[in-house]
């Protein structure tokens, strides 16, 4: 699969990355190599190989634990955060296009 510079720029925009001309060229080369490797993997005959899957409940996952902070750190965060409403911090949505 051949990627154009426009494809790479579109991927960079989706990832919210700003690339210089050199970084764009390097990223295009890297993605070309990665996709070439994926194409090679797709040609492998995997017939007869049993599909692998993760167990439904894995003990390897990190437990989601809320960590507190001292009052000074909390106030420092609230004071320096660009968009907030009382003690709530507002961040851009994951699928929103960032404003320029």
C-alpha atoms as a PDB file:
ATOM      1  CA  UNK A   1       0.000   0.000   0.000  1.00  0.00           C
ATOM      2  CA  UNK A   2       1.391   3.359  -0.981  1.00  0.00           C
ATOM      3  CA  UNK A   3       0.699   6.314   1.249  1.00  0.00           C
ATOM      4  CA  UNK A   4       0.765   9.818  -0.136  1.00  0.00           C
ATOM      5  CA  UNK A   5       1.951  12.870   1.780  1.00  0.00           C
ATOM      6  CA  UNK A   6      -1.732  13.848   2.054  1.00  0.00           C
ATOM      7  CA  UNK A   7      -2.489  10.481   3.721  1.00  0.00           C
ATOM      8  CA  UNK A   8       0.310  11.024   6.234  1.00  0.00           C
ATOM      9  CA  UNK A   9      -0.844  14.587   6.911  1.00  0.00           C
ATOM     10  CA  UNK A  10      -4.385  13.306   7.477  1.00  0.00           C
ATOM     11  CA  UNK A  11      -3.137  10.650   9.920  1.00  0.00           C
ATOM     12  CA  UNK A  12      -1.063  13.281  11.712  1.00  0.00           C
ATOM     13  CA  UNK A  13      -4.115  15.512  12.012  1.00  0.00           C
ATOM     14  CA  UNK A  14      -6.176  12.653  13.443  1.00  0.00           C
ATOM     15  CA  UNK A  15      -3.390  12.000  15.955  1.00  0.00           C
ATOM     16  CA  UNK A  16      -3.179  15.733  16.659  1.00  0.00           C
ATOM     17  CA  UNK A  17       0.469  15.867  15.607  1.00  0.00           C
ATOM     18  CA  UNK A  18       2.172  18.800  13.972  1.00  0.00           C
ATOM     19  CA  UNK A  19       4.938  17.555  11.682  1.00  0.00           C
ATOM     20  CA  UNK A  20       7.750  19.558  10.176  1.00  0.00           C
ATOM     21  CA  UNK A  21       8.674  18.867   6.542  1.00  0.00           C
ATOM     22  CA  UNK A  22      11.532  16.595   7.693  1.00  0.00           C
ATOM     23  CA  UNK A  23       9.287  14.754  10.163  1.00  0.00           C
ATOM     24  CA  UNK A  24       6.633  14.329   7.466  1.00  0.00           C
ATOM     25  CA  UNK A  25       9.165  12.759   5.103  1.00  0.00           C
ATOM     26  CA  UNK A  26      10.551  10.485   7.840  1.00  0.00           C
ATOM     27  CA  UNK A  27       7.053   9.460   8.980  1.00  0.00           C
ATOM     28  CA  UNK A  28       6.061   8.656   5.407  1.00  0.00           C
ATOM     29  CA  UNK A  29       9.117   6.358   5.080  1.00  0.00           C
ATOM     30  CA  UNK A  30       8.413   4.700   8.457  1.00  0.00           C
ATOM     31  CA  UNK A  31       4.754   4.075   7.636  1.00  0.00           C
ATOM     32  CA  UNK A  32       5.728   2.650   4.237  1.00  0.00           C
ATOM     33  CA  UNK A  33       8.071   0.172   5.990  1.00  0.00           C
ATOM     34  CA  UNK A  34       5.418  -0.762   8.559  1.00  0.00           C
ATOM     35  CA  UNK A  35       2.752  -1.350   5.923  1.00  0.00           C
ATOM     36  CA  UNK A  36       5.228  -3.383   3.854  1.00  0.00           C
ATOM     37  CA  UNK A  37       5.847  -5.595   6.872  1.00  0.00           C
ATOM     38  CA  UNK A  38       2.106  -6.014   7.451  1.00  0.00           C
ATOM     39  CA  UNK A  39       1.694  -7.040   3.804  1.00  0.00           C
ATOM     40  CA  UNK A  40       4.415  -9.673   4.305  1.00  0.00           C
ATOM     41  CA  UNK A  41       2.631 -10.973   7.399  1.00  0.00           C
ATOM     42  CA  UNK A  42      -0.650 -11.240   5.505  1.00  0.00           C
ATOM     43  CA  UNK A  43       0.982 -13.609   3.006  1.00  0.00           C
ATOM     44  CA  UNK A  44       1.852 -16.143   5.713  1.00  0.00           C
ATOM     45  CA  UNK A  45      -0.251 -19.295   5.605  1.00  0.00           C
ATOM     46  CA  UNK A  46      -1.768 -19.530   9.073  1.00  0.00           C
ATOM     47  CA  UNK A  47      -4.052 -22.438   8.227  1.00  0.00           C
ATOM     48  CA  UNK A  48      -4.263 -24.927  11.039  1.00  0.00           C
ATOM     49  CA  UNK A  49      -3.028 -22.443  13.619  1.00  0.00           C
ATOM     50  CA  UNK A  50      -5.429 -22.163  16.499  1.00  0.00           C
ATOM     51  CA  UNK A  51      -6.654 -18.656  17.225  1.00  0.00           C
ATOM     52  CA  UNK A  52      -5.363 -17.180  20.461  1.00  0.00           C
ATOM     53  CA  UNK A  53      -7.469 -15.123  22.801  1.00  0.00           C
ATOM     54  CA  UNK A  54      -7.143 -13.536  26.200  1.00  0.00           C
ATOM     55  CA  UNK A  55      -8.964 -15.039  29.120  1.00  0.00           C
ATOM     56  CA  UNK A  56     -12.145 -13.123  29.976  1.00  0.00           C
ATOM     57  CA  UNK A  57     -10.787 -11.972  33.320  1.00  0.00           C
ATOM     58  CA  UNK A  58      -7.105 -11.238  33.375  1.00  0.00           C
ATOM     59  CA  UNK A  59      -5.262 -10.531  36.580  1.00  0.00           C
ATOM     60  CA  UNK A  60      -2.586  -8.619  34.658  1.00  0.00           C
ATOM     61  CA  UNK A  61      -4.606  -5.413  34.432  1.00  0.00           C
ATOM     62  CA  UNK A  62      -3.848  -2.482  36.682  1.00  0.00           C
ATOM     63  CA  UNK A  63      -6.586  -1.749  39.180  1.00  0.00           C
ATOM     64  CA  UNK A  64      -8.203   1.638  38.678  1.00  0.00           C
ATOM     65  CA  UNK A  65      -7.495   3.479  41.888  1.00  0.00           C
ATOM     66  CA  UNK A  66      -8.125   7.172  42.437  1.00  0.00           C
ATOM     67  CA  UNK A  67      -5.057   8.861  43.863  1.00  0.00           C
ATOM     68  CA  UNK A  68      -5.425  11.948  45.967  1.00  0.00           C
ATOM     69  CA  UNK A  69      -3.125  14.937  46.189  1.00  0.00           C
ATOM     70  CA  UNK A  70      -2.429  17.588  48.757  1.00  0.00           C
ATOM     71  CA  UNK A  71      -4.350  20.877  48.782  1.00  0.00           C
ATOM     72  CA  UNK A  72      -1.419  22.888  47.378  1.00  0.00           C
ATOM     73  CA  UNK A  73      -1.109  20.609  44.326  1.00  0.00           C
ATOM     74  CA  UNK A  74      -4.886  20.666  43.790  1.00  0.00           C
ATOM     75  CA  UNK A  75      -4.975  24.477  43.859  1.00  0.00           C
ATOM     76  CA  UNK A  76      -1.944  24.664  41.554  1.00  0.00           C
ATOM     77  CA  UNK A  77      -3.675  22.433  39.001  1.00  0.00           C
ATOM     78  CA  UNK A  78      -6.957  24.359  39.204  1.00  0.00           C
ATOM     79  CA  UNK A  79      -5.192  27.707  38.920  1.00  0.00           C
ATOM     80  CA  UNK A  80      -3.198  26.726  35.829  1.00  0.00           C
ATOM     81  CA  UNK A  81      -5.801  24.678  33.939  1.00  0.00           C
ATOM     82  CA  UNK A  82      -7.002  26.601  30.845  1.00  0.00           C
ATOM     83  CA  UNK A  83     -10.690  25.593  30.854  1.00  0.00           C
ATOM     84  CA  UNK A  84     -12.599  24.781  34.020  1.00  0.00           C
ATOM     85  CA  UNK A  85     -15.922  25.237  35.745  1.00  0.00           C
ATOM     86  CA  UNK A  86     -15.594  25.364  39.538  1.00  0.00           C
ATOM     87  CA  UNK A  87     -13.502  22.291  40.373  1.00  0.00           C
ATOM     88  CA  UNK A  88     -14.234  20.458  37.102  1.00  0.00           C
ATOM     89  CA  UNK A  89     -11.557  20.457  34.396  1.00  0.00           C
ATOM     90  CA  UNK A  90     -12.798  20.600  30.808  1.00  0.00           C
ATOM     91  CA  UNK A  91     -10.769  18.822  28.130  1.00  0.00           C
ATOM     92  CA  UNK A  92     -11.421  18.462  24.382  1.00  0.00           C
ATOM     93  CA  UNK A  93     -13.397  15.413  23.332  1.00  0.00           C
ATOM     94  CA  UNK A  94     -11.451  12.531  21.871  1.00  0.00           C
ATOM     95  CA  UNK A  95     -13.204  12.712  18.497  1.00  0.00           C
ATOM     96  CA  UNK A  96     -13.428  16.507  18.230  1.00  0.00           C
ATOM     97  CA  UNK A  97     -11.286  18.397  15.749  1.00  0.00           C
ATOM     98  CA  UNK A  98      -8.987  20.688  17.720  1.00  0.00           C
ATOM     99  CA  UNK A  99      -9.496  24.416  17.243  1.00  0.00           C
ATOM    100  CA  UNK A 100      -6.576  26.164  15.566  1.00  0.00           C
END
